[in-house]
N, C-alpha and C. Protein backbone atom coordinates (compact mmCIF):
# COMPACT_ATOMS: atom_id res chain seq x y z
N MET A 1 0.86 -1.17 0.00
CA MET A 1 0.00 0.00 0.00
C MET A 1 0.90 1.23 0.00
N GLU A 2 0.55 2.17 -0.83
CA GLU A 2 1.30 3.41 -0.85
C GLU A 2 0.33 4.56 -1.12
N PRO A 3 0.65 5.73 -0.60
CA PRO A 3 -0.25 6.86 -0.81
C PRO A 3 -0.21 7.32 -2.26
N LYS A 4 -1.34 7.81 -2.73
CA LYS A 4 -1.42 8.35 -4.08
C LYS A 4 -2.08 9.72 -4.00
N LEU A 5 -1.55 10.64 -4.77
CA LEU A 5 -2.09 11.99 -4.78
C LEU A 5 -3.48 11.99 -5.40
N ARG A 6 -4.41 12.57 -4.71
CA ARG A 6 -5.76 12.76 -5.22
C ARG A 6 -6.13 14.20 -4.87
N THR A 7 -6.49 14.98 -5.87
CA THR A 7 -6.81 16.39 -5.68
C THR A 7 -8.28 16.62 -5.97
N TYR A 8 -8.92 17.44 -5.14
CA TYR A 8 -10.33 17.78 -5.33
C TYR A 8 -10.44 19.29 -5.46
N VAL A 9 -11.11 19.72 -6.51
CA VAL A 9 -11.28 21.16 -6.72
C VAL A 9 -12.76 21.47 -6.93
N PRO A 10 -13.19 22.65 -6.48
CA PRO A 10 -14.58 23.06 -6.73
C PRO A 10 -14.73 23.46 -8.20
N VAL A 11 -15.78 22.98 -8.83
CA VAL A 11 -16.03 23.30 -10.24
C VAL A 11 -17.49 23.66 -10.45
N LEU A 12 -17.70 24.42 -11.49
CA LEU A 12 -19.05 24.76 -11.93
C LEU A 12 -19.19 24.19 -13.34
N VAL A 13 -20.08 23.24 -13.51
CA VAL A 13 -20.23 22.58 -14.80
C VAL A 13 -21.12 23.44 -15.69
N ARG A 14 -20.58 23.85 -16.85
CA ARG A 14 -21.35 24.68 -17.79
C ARG A 14 -22.56 23.90 -18.28
N GLY A 15 -23.70 24.57 -18.27
CA GLY A 15 -24.96 23.94 -18.66
C GLY A 15 -25.68 23.32 -17.47
N GLU A 16 -24.98 23.16 -16.35
CA GLU A 16 -25.57 22.60 -15.14
C GLU A 16 -25.34 23.53 -13.95
N GLU A 17 -25.31 24.82 -14.21
CA GLU A 17 -25.05 25.80 -13.16
C GLU A 17 -26.09 25.75 -12.04
N GLY A 18 -27.30 25.30 -12.34
CA GLY A 18 -28.36 25.19 -11.34
C GLY A 18 -28.03 24.21 -10.22
N GLU A 19 -27.13 23.29 -10.49
CA GLU A 19 -26.73 22.33 -9.46
C GLU A 19 -25.67 22.89 -8.52
N GLY A 20 -25.18 24.08 -8.83
CA GLY A 20 -24.20 24.74 -7.97
C GLY A 20 -22.80 24.18 -8.14
N VAL A 21 -21.96 24.57 -7.22
CA VAL A 21 -20.56 24.16 -7.25
C VAL A 21 -20.45 22.71 -6.77
N ARG A 22 -19.69 21.93 -7.52
CA ARG A 22 -19.44 20.52 -7.18
C ARG A 22 -17.93 20.30 -7.08
N PHE A 23 -17.55 19.12 -6.62
CA PHE A 23 -16.12 18.80 -6.53
C PHE A 23 -15.74 17.79 -7.59
N TRP A 24 -14.59 18.04 -8.19
CA TRP A 24 -14.03 17.14 -9.19
C TRP A 24 -12.73 16.60 -8.63
N GLY A 25 -12.60 15.30 -8.60
CA GLY A 25 -11.38 14.66 -8.10
C GLY A 25 -10.57 14.09 -9.24
N PHE A 26 -9.26 14.26 -9.15
CA PHE A 26 -8.39 13.75 -10.20
C PHE A 26 -7.03 13.39 -9.62
N GLY A 27 -6.25 12.67 -10.40
CA GLY A 27 -4.96 12.17 -9.95
C GLY A 27 -3.80 13.08 -10.31
N LYS A 28 -2.61 12.53 -10.12
CA LYS A 28 -1.37 13.27 -10.25
C LYS A 28 -1.14 13.83 -11.66
N THR A 29 -1.43 13.06 -12.69
CA THR A 29 -1.15 13.49 -14.06
C THR A 29 -1.98 14.73 -14.43
N VAL A 30 -3.28 14.69 -14.15
CA VAL A 30 -4.14 15.84 -14.45
C VAL A 30 -3.73 17.02 -13.59
N TYR A 31 -3.40 16.77 -12.33
CA TYR A 31 -2.96 17.83 -11.41
C TYR A 31 -1.75 18.57 -11.99
N GLN A 32 -0.76 17.81 -12.45
CA GLN A 32 0.45 18.42 -13.01
C GLN A 32 0.14 19.18 -14.29
N GLU A 33 -0.77 18.66 -15.09
CA GLU A 33 -1.14 19.34 -16.32
C GLU A 33 -1.82 20.68 -16.03
N ILE A 34 -2.72 20.69 -15.07
CA ILE A 34 -3.41 21.94 -14.70
C ILE A 34 -2.41 22.93 -14.11
N LEU A 35 -1.49 22.45 -13.27
CA LEU A 35 -0.47 23.34 -12.71
C LEU A 35 0.38 23.97 -13.81
N GLY A 36 0.61 23.24 -14.88
CA GLY A 36 1.36 23.78 -16.01
C GLY A 36 0.65 24.99 -16.61
N TYR A 37 -0.67 24.91 -16.74
CA TYR A 37 -1.44 26.06 -17.25
C TYR A 37 -1.44 27.21 -16.25
N ILE A 38 -1.57 26.88 -14.97
CA ILE A 38 -1.60 27.93 -13.95
C ILE A 38 -0.27 28.67 -13.90
N ALA A 39 0.83 27.95 -14.07
CA ALA A 39 2.16 28.56 -14.02
C ALA A 39 2.53 29.31 -15.30
N ASP A 40 1.80 29.09 -16.38
CA ASP A 40 2.11 29.73 -17.66
C ASP A 40 1.54 31.15 -17.68
N PRO A 41 2.40 32.17 -17.73
CA PRO A 41 1.91 33.55 -17.70
C PRO A 41 1.04 33.91 -18.91
N ASP A 42 1.15 33.19 -20.01
CA ASP A 42 0.32 33.47 -21.18
C ASP A 42 -1.16 33.22 -20.91
N TYR A 43 -1.48 32.35 -19.95
CA TYR A 43 -2.88 32.05 -19.63
C TYR A 43 -3.44 32.94 -18.54
N GLY A 44 -2.60 33.62 -17.79
CA GLY A 44 -3.08 34.44 -16.68
C GLY A 44 -3.63 33.55 -15.58
N ASP A 45 -4.44 34.11 -14.71
CA ASP A 45 -5.05 33.36 -13.61
C ASP A 45 -6.31 32.67 -14.13
N ILE A 46 -6.20 31.39 -14.46
CA ILE A 46 -7.34 30.68 -15.03
C ILE A 46 -8.46 30.47 -14.01
N THR A 47 -8.17 30.71 -12.72
CA THR A 47 -9.18 30.52 -11.67
C THR A 47 -9.93 31.80 -11.32
N ASP A 48 -9.57 32.92 -11.93
CA ASP A 48 -10.21 34.20 -11.63
C ASP A 48 -11.69 34.16 -12.00
N PRO A 49 -12.61 34.54 -11.08
CA PRO A 49 -14.05 34.48 -11.38
C PRO A 49 -14.48 35.44 -12.50
N PHE A 50 -13.73 36.52 -12.72
CA PHE A 50 -14.09 37.49 -13.76
C PHE A 50 -13.34 37.24 -15.06
N ASN A 51 -12.06 36.90 -14.97
CA ASN A 51 -11.22 36.77 -16.15
C ASN A 51 -10.57 35.39 -16.27
N GLY A 52 -11.22 34.38 -15.73
CA GLY A 52 -10.67 33.03 -15.79
C GLY A 52 -10.99 32.35 -17.10
N ARG A 53 -10.64 31.10 -17.18
CA ARG A 53 -10.87 30.33 -18.41
C ARG A 53 -11.57 29.03 -18.07
N ASP A 54 -12.41 28.59 -18.98
CA ASP A 54 -13.05 27.30 -18.82
C ASP A 54 -12.07 26.19 -19.19
N ILE A 55 -12.27 25.03 -18.60
CA ILE A 55 -11.46 23.85 -18.92
C ILE A 55 -12.41 22.77 -19.41
N THR A 56 -12.10 22.21 -20.56
CA THR A 56 -12.88 21.10 -21.10
C THR A 56 -12.20 19.81 -20.69
N ILE A 57 -13.00 18.88 -20.20
CA ILE A 57 -12.48 17.61 -19.71
C ILE A 57 -13.03 16.49 -20.59
N GLU A 58 -12.14 15.65 -21.06
CA GLU A 58 -12.55 14.47 -21.81
C GLU A 58 -12.10 13.24 -21.04
N TYR A 59 -13.05 12.41 -20.66
CA TYR A 59 -12.78 11.22 -19.88
C TYR A 59 -13.09 9.99 -20.74
N THR A 60 -12.12 9.08 -20.84
CA THR A 60 -12.31 7.84 -21.58
C THR A 60 -12.07 6.69 -20.62
N SER A 61 -13.04 5.79 -20.51
CA SER A 61 -12.89 4.66 -19.59
C SER A 61 -11.75 3.77 -20.06
N ALA A 62 -11.24 2.96 -19.16
CA ALA A 62 -10.13 2.05 -19.49
C ALA A 62 -10.53 1.10 -20.62
N GLU A 63 -11.77 0.63 -20.55
CA GLU A 63 -12.27 -0.29 -21.58
C GLU A 63 -12.29 0.38 -22.95
N ASP A 64 -12.82 1.61 -23.01
CA ASP A 64 -12.89 2.33 -24.28
C ASP A 64 -11.50 2.75 -24.78
N ALA A 65 -10.60 3.04 -23.86
CA ALA A 65 -9.26 3.48 -24.23
C ALA A 65 -8.36 2.29 -24.59
N GLY A 66 -8.80 1.08 -24.22
CA GLY A 66 -7.99 -0.10 -24.49
C GLY A 66 -6.75 -0.16 -23.61
N THR A 67 -6.85 0.41 -22.40
CA THR A 67 -5.73 0.43 -21.46
C THR A 67 -6.18 -0.16 -20.13
N ASN A 68 -5.26 -0.23 -19.19
CA ASN A 68 -5.58 -0.74 -17.85
C ASN A 68 -6.13 0.35 -16.94
N TYR A 69 -6.17 1.57 -17.41
CA TYR A 69 -6.61 2.69 -16.58
C TYR A 69 -7.36 3.69 -17.46
N PRO A 70 -8.25 4.46 -16.87
CA PRO A 70 -8.97 5.47 -17.66
C PRO A 70 -8.04 6.60 -18.08
N VAL A 71 -8.42 7.30 -19.14
CA VAL A 71 -7.61 8.40 -19.65
C VAL A 71 -8.42 9.69 -19.55
N THR A 72 -7.82 10.70 -18.91
CA THR A 72 -8.46 12.01 -18.79
C THR A 72 -7.58 13.03 -19.49
N THR A 73 -8.17 13.78 -20.41
CA THR A 73 -7.43 14.86 -21.07
C THR A 73 -8.15 16.16 -20.78
N ILE A 74 -7.38 17.23 -20.66
CA ILE A 74 -7.95 18.54 -20.40
C ILE A 74 -7.49 19.52 -21.46
N ARG A 75 -8.35 20.47 -21.73
CA ARG A 75 -8.02 21.58 -22.65
C ARG A 75 -8.48 22.86 -22.00
N VAL A 76 -7.58 23.80 -21.85
CA VAL A 76 -7.95 25.10 -21.32
C VAL A 76 -8.38 25.96 -22.50
N LYS A 77 -9.57 26.52 -22.40
CA LYS A 77 -10.13 27.32 -23.49
C LYS A 77 -9.30 28.60 -23.67
N PRO A 78 -9.12 29.04 -24.92
CA PRO A 78 -8.31 30.23 -25.16
C PRO A 78 -8.99 31.54 -24.75
N ASN A 79 -10.32 31.56 -24.74
CA ASN A 79 -11.04 32.80 -24.41
C ASN A 79 -11.30 32.91 -22.91
N VAL A 80 -11.21 34.14 -22.41
CA VAL A 80 -11.53 34.44 -21.03
C VAL A 80 -13.05 34.37 -20.87
N THR A 81 -13.50 33.71 -19.78
CA THR A 81 -14.93 33.54 -19.54
C THR A 81 -15.23 33.82 -18.08
N PRO A 82 -16.16 34.73 -17.78
CA PRO A 82 -16.52 34.97 -16.37
C PRO A 82 -17.26 33.75 -15.80
N LEU A 83 -17.19 33.59 -14.50
CA LEU A 83 -17.86 32.48 -13.81
C LEU A 83 -19.37 32.53 -14.04
N ALA A 84 -19.94 33.72 -14.03
CA ALA A 84 -21.38 33.90 -14.22
C ALA A 84 -21.62 35.20 -14.97
N ASP A 85 -22.85 35.37 -15.45
CA ASP A 85 -23.19 36.57 -16.22
C ASP A 85 -23.27 37.82 -15.35
N ASN A 86 -23.61 37.65 -14.07
CA ASN A 86 -23.68 38.82 -13.20
C ASN A 86 -22.98 38.54 -11.87
N GLU A 87 -22.64 39.63 -11.21
CA GLU A 87 -21.85 39.54 -9.98
C GLU A 87 -22.61 38.86 -8.84
N ASP A 88 -23.93 39.03 -8.79
CA ASP A 88 -24.72 38.40 -7.73
C ASP A 88 -24.65 36.87 -7.83
N ASP A 89 -24.76 36.34 -9.04
CA ASP A 89 -24.65 34.88 -9.23
C ASP A 89 -23.25 34.40 -8.85
N MET A 90 -22.24 35.19 -9.21
CA MET A 90 -20.86 34.84 -8.87
C MET A 90 -20.70 34.71 -7.36
N LYS A 91 -21.20 35.72 -6.64
CA LYS A 91 -21.10 35.71 -5.17
C LYS A 91 -21.87 34.52 -4.59
N ALA A 92 -23.04 34.23 -5.16
CA ALA A 92 -23.86 33.12 -4.66
C ALA A 92 -23.13 31.78 -4.83
N TYR A 93 -22.48 31.58 -5.97
CA TYR A 93 -21.72 30.33 -6.18
C TYR A 93 -20.62 30.19 -5.14
N ILE A 94 -19.91 31.26 -4.90
CA ILE A 94 -18.77 31.21 -3.98
C ILE A 94 -19.25 31.06 -2.53
N GLN A 95 -20.28 31.83 -2.14
CA GLN A 95 -20.75 31.80 -0.75
C GLN A 95 -21.51 30.51 -0.41
N ASN A 96 -22.19 29.93 -1.38
CA ASN A 96 -23.00 28.72 -1.13
C ASN A 96 -22.26 27.43 -1.44
N GLN A 97 -20.98 27.54 -1.68
CA GLN A 97 -20.18 26.36 -2.00
C GLN A 97 -20.11 25.43 -0.81
N THR A 98 -20.32 24.16 -1.04
CA THR A 98 -20.23 23.14 0.01
C THR A 98 -18.78 23.00 0.45
N GLU A 99 -18.58 22.82 1.74
CA GLU A 99 -17.23 22.57 2.26
C GLU A 99 -16.82 21.16 1.88
N ILE A 100 -15.57 20.99 1.52
CA ILE A 100 -15.07 19.67 1.13
C ILE A 100 -15.24 18.65 2.25
N THR A 101 -15.13 19.10 3.50
CA THR A 101 -15.27 18.19 4.64
C THR A 101 -16.72 17.74 4.86
N ASP A 102 -17.68 18.43 4.22
CA ASP A 102 -19.07 17.98 4.27
C ASP A 102 -19.29 16.83 3.29
N VAL A 103 -18.47 16.77 2.25
CA VAL A 103 -18.60 15.74 1.23
C VAL A 103 -17.71 14.54 1.56
N TYR A 104 -16.48 14.82 1.93
CA TYR A 104 -15.51 13.78 2.27
C TYR A 104 -15.08 13.97 3.71
N GLU A 105 -15.36 12.96 4.52
CA GLU A 105 -15.04 13.05 5.95
C GLU A 105 -13.53 13.03 6.16
N GLU A 106 -13.06 13.97 6.96
CA GLU A 106 -11.65 14.02 7.31
C GLU A 106 -11.44 13.16 8.55
N LEU A 107 -10.64 12.11 8.40
CA LEU A 107 -10.41 11.21 9.51
C LEU A 107 -9.34 11.77 10.45
N SER A 108 -9.51 11.48 11.72
CA SER A 108 -8.51 11.91 12.71
C SER A 108 -7.29 11.02 12.60
N TYR A 109 -6.23 11.42 13.26
CA TYR A 109 -5.01 10.63 13.28
C TYR A 109 -5.29 9.21 13.78
N ASN A 110 -6.02 9.08 14.88
CA ASN A 110 -6.31 7.77 15.45
C ASN A 110 -7.16 6.92 14.51
N GLU A 111 -8.12 7.54 13.82
CA GLU A 111 -8.93 6.79 12.86
C GLU A 111 -8.08 6.30 11.68
N LEU A 112 -7.17 7.17 11.20
CA LEU A 112 -6.26 6.75 10.12
C LEU A 112 -5.37 5.60 10.58
N LYS A 113 -4.87 5.71 11.79
CA LYS A 113 -4.01 4.67 12.34
C LYS A 113 -4.76 3.35 12.44
N GLU A 114 -6.01 3.40 12.88
CA GLU A 114 -6.83 2.20 13.01
C GLU A 114 -7.08 1.56 11.65
N VAL A 115 -7.37 2.37 10.64
CA VAL A 115 -7.59 1.86 9.29
C VAL A 115 -6.33 1.19 8.76
N LEU A 116 -5.19 1.84 8.97
CA LEU A 116 -3.92 1.27 8.52
C LEU A 116 -3.63 -0.05 9.22
N GLU A 117 -3.82 -0.09 10.53
CA GLU A 117 -3.56 -1.32 11.28
C GLU A 117 -4.48 -2.44 10.85
N SER A 118 -5.75 -2.15 10.59
CA SER A 118 -6.67 -3.20 10.16
C SER A 118 -6.34 -3.68 8.75
N TRP A 119 -5.78 -2.80 7.93
CA TRP A 119 -5.37 -3.20 6.59
C TRP A 119 -4.12 -4.07 6.66
N LEU A 120 -3.19 -3.70 7.55
CA LEU A 120 -1.95 -4.46 7.69
C LEU A 120 -2.16 -5.80 8.38
N ASN A 121 -3.13 -5.86 9.27
CA ASN A 121 -3.35 -7.07 10.05
C ASN A 121 -4.83 -7.43 10.02
N PRO A 122 -5.33 -7.88 8.88
CA PRO A 122 -6.77 -8.19 8.79
C PRO A 122 -7.10 -9.41 9.63
N THR A 123 -8.28 -9.39 10.20
CA THR A 123 -8.75 -10.54 10.97
C THR A 123 -9.96 -11.10 10.27
N ASP A 124 -9.90 -12.39 10.03
CA ASP A 124 -11.01 -13.06 9.38
C ASP A 124 -11.33 -14.29 10.23
N ASP A 125 -12.46 -14.25 10.92
CA ASP A 125 -12.82 -15.33 11.83
C ASP A 125 -13.14 -16.62 11.10
N SER A 126 -13.41 -16.53 9.79
CA SER A 126 -13.78 -17.73 9.05
C SER A 126 -12.58 -18.60 8.73
N GLU A 127 -11.37 -18.05 8.78
CA GLU A 127 -10.18 -18.84 8.49
C GLU A 127 -9.81 -19.67 9.70
N GLU A 128 -9.47 -20.93 9.44
CA GLU A 128 -9.00 -21.78 10.52
C GLU A 128 -7.48 -21.74 10.53
N GLU A 129 -6.93 -21.78 11.71
CA GLU A 129 -5.48 -21.80 11.81
C GLU A 129 -5.00 -23.21 11.51
N ILE A 130 -3.97 -23.28 10.70
CA ILE A 130 -3.41 -24.57 10.33
C ILE A 130 -2.14 -24.77 11.15
N ASP A 131 -2.07 -25.89 11.84
CA ASP A 131 -0.88 -26.19 12.62
C ASP A 131 0.18 -26.70 11.67
N GLU A 132 1.31 -26.03 11.67
CA GLU A 132 2.41 -26.46 10.84
C GLU A 132 3.32 -27.33 11.66
N PRO A 133 3.84 -28.40 11.06
CA PRO A 133 4.75 -29.26 11.82
C PRO A 133 6.00 -28.49 12.18
N SER A 134 6.45 -28.69 13.38
CA SER A 134 7.64 -27.98 13.80
C SER A 134 8.85 -28.89 13.60
N THR A 135 9.91 -28.28 13.21
CA THR A 135 11.15 -29.03 13.04
C THR A 135 12.17 -28.42 13.96
N SER A 136 12.99 -29.26 14.51
CA SER A 136 14.02 -28.72 15.38
C SER A 136 15.35 -29.31 14.95
N THR A 137 16.33 -28.48 14.99
CA THR A 137 17.67 -28.93 14.70
C THR A 137 18.56 -28.44 15.81
N GLU A 138 19.50 -29.24 16.16
CA GLU A 138 20.43 -28.84 17.21
C GLU A 138 21.74 -28.47 16.56
N THR A 139 22.28 -27.37 16.96
CA THR A 139 23.58 -26.97 16.45
C THR A 139 24.48 -26.65 17.62
N LEU A 140 25.72 -26.94 17.44
CA LEU A 140 26.71 -26.63 18.46
C LEU A 140 27.40 -25.36 18.04
N SER A 141 27.46 -24.42 18.93
CA SER A 141 28.09 -23.16 18.59
C SER A 141 28.70 -22.56 19.83
N THR A 142 29.78 -21.84 19.62
CA THR A 142 30.38 -21.15 20.75
C THR A 142 29.77 -19.77 20.91
N LYS A 143 28.99 -19.35 19.91
CA LYS A 143 28.34 -18.04 19.97
C LYS A 143 27.03 -18.15 20.73
N ALA A 144 26.59 -17.04 21.28
CA ALA A 144 25.29 -17.02 21.94
C ALA A 144 24.21 -17.13 20.87
N GLU A 145 23.24 -17.99 21.13
CA GLU A 145 22.18 -18.19 20.14
C GLU A 145 21.17 -17.06 20.23
N GLU A 146 20.69 -16.64 19.05
CA GLU A 146 19.66 -15.61 19.01
C GLU A 146 18.32 -16.24 19.33
N PRO A 147 17.47 -15.51 20.01
CA PRO A 147 16.16 -16.08 20.33
C PRO A 147 15.34 -16.29 19.05
N THR A 148 14.57 -17.35 19.03
CA THR A 148 13.72 -17.65 17.89
C THR A 148 12.35 -17.04 18.15
N LEU A 149 11.82 -16.33 17.14
CA LEU A 149 10.51 -15.70 17.27
C LEU A 149 9.46 -16.53 16.57
N SER A 150 8.29 -16.64 17.17
CA SER A 150 7.18 -17.32 16.50
C SER A 150 6.66 -16.41 15.39
N SER A 151 5.85 -16.97 14.49
CA SER A 151 5.33 -16.16 13.38
C SER A 151 4.45 -15.03 13.90
N ASP A 152 3.72 -15.27 15.01
CA ASP A 152 2.90 -14.20 15.59
C ASP A 152 3.78 -13.07 16.12
N GLU A 153 4.92 -13.45 16.72
CA GLU A 153 5.84 -12.43 17.24
C GLU A 153 6.49 -11.64 16.10
N VAL A 154 6.80 -12.35 14.99
CA VAL A 154 7.37 -11.68 13.82
C VAL A 154 6.35 -10.70 13.26
N ASP A 155 5.08 -11.14 13.12
CA ASP A 155 4.04 -10.25 12.60
C ASP A 155 3.85 -9.04 13.50
N LYS A 156 3.89 -9.24 14.83
CA LYS A 156 3.73 -8.12 15.76
C LYS A 156 4.90 -7.17 15.63
N LYS A 157 6.11 -7.72 15.47
CA LYS A 157 7.30 -6.89 15.33
C LYS A 157 7.20 -6.03 14.06
N LYS A 158 6.74 -6.64 12.96
CA LYS A 158 6.55 -5.89 11.71
C LYS A 158 5.50 -4.79 11.89
N LEU A 159 4.38 -5.15 12.54
CA LEU A 159 3.30 -4.19 12.77
C LEU A 159 3.78 -3.04 13.63
N ASP A 160 4.55 -3.35 14.68
CA ASP A 160 5.08 -2.30 15.54
C ASP A 160 6.01 -1.37 14.75
N SER A 161 6.79 -1.93 13.86
CA SER A 161 7.71 -1.14 13.04
C SER A 161 6.93 -0.20 12.12
N VAL A 162 5.88 -0.72 11.49
CA VAL A 162 5.07 0.10 10.59
C VAL A 162 4.32 1.16 11.39
N ALA A 163 3.79 0.77 12.54
CA ALA A 163 3.07 1.73 13.39
C ALA A 163 4.00 2.85 13.82
N SER A 164 5.24 2.50 14.14
CA SER A 164 6.23 3.50 14.54
C SER A 164 6.52 4.45 13.38
N ALA A 165 6.65 3.89 12.18
CA ALA A 165 6.90 4.73 11.00
C ALA A 165 5.70 5.64 10.74
N PHE A 166 4.48 5.12 10.94
CA PHE A 166 3.27 5.92 10.76
C PHE A 166 3.24 7.06 11.76
N ASP A 167 3.59 6.76 13.03
CA ASP A 167 3.65 7.81 14.05
C ASP A 167 4.66 8.87 13.67
N ASP A 168 5.84 8.43 13.20
CA ASP A 168 6.89 9.38 12.79
C ASP A 168 6.42 10.27 11.65
N LEU A 169 5.68 9.68 10.71
CA LEU A 169 5.20 10.43 9.54
C LEU A 169 4.32 11.60 9.96
N PHE A 170 3.44 11.37 10.94
CA PHE A 170 2.51 12.42 11.33
C PHE A 170 3.03 13.28 12.49
N SER A 171 4.15 12.91 13.06
CA SER A 171 4.71 13.70 14.16
C SER A 171 5.54 14.87 13.65
N ASN A 172 6.06 14.73 12.45
CA ASN A 172 6.96 15.76 11.91
C ASN A 172 6.22 16.82 11.16
C-alpha cells in the first residue's frame, strides 16, 4: 500500500449551473497538467471568477481506451470567460459552495491509524489456523544463540515497526 495523490477542486459545470458548485477529483497526471497552465503567464489566472478560463475535460474509460486505466485529457479554453453573467450569481456560487469536509469526511489521526492497522493485520474469523509441523535442529556453537521468534511475534514486530513509521510520519 502506498499513498497516491488525489486532488479535489470546486467546479461549476457549464450547462448545469443550477446544481451549484461541485467537486471534481483527479490524480497526479491531471494535477500536473493543470499546474502547467496555472504557471504559464500566457494564460493568466485561469481561476479568476471574472477573467478566468473554462477547462474542457474528456474522460475515456479504461475499456474504451484499451488500457488498464482510464484516460483524462484537459483543454484550457483560449477565451476568457466569467464564472457567471452577473456579480450576484458569482457571489452566490462562492458563498453557497459546500465545504469539502461535508462531502468527504476528514479522519482523525487515530482513525487513520486504526484503518492502517486493520489493513496491515486483517482478521477473518472464518479462516482456521493450520498447525504447521515444527522441526528442530540442534547446532553446536560457541556463539550465543539468538532467540527464535514465533510467526505471531514476527508479525507483531513488523506491525510495531510500521506503526512506529506511521507515528513518525505524522509527528513531523
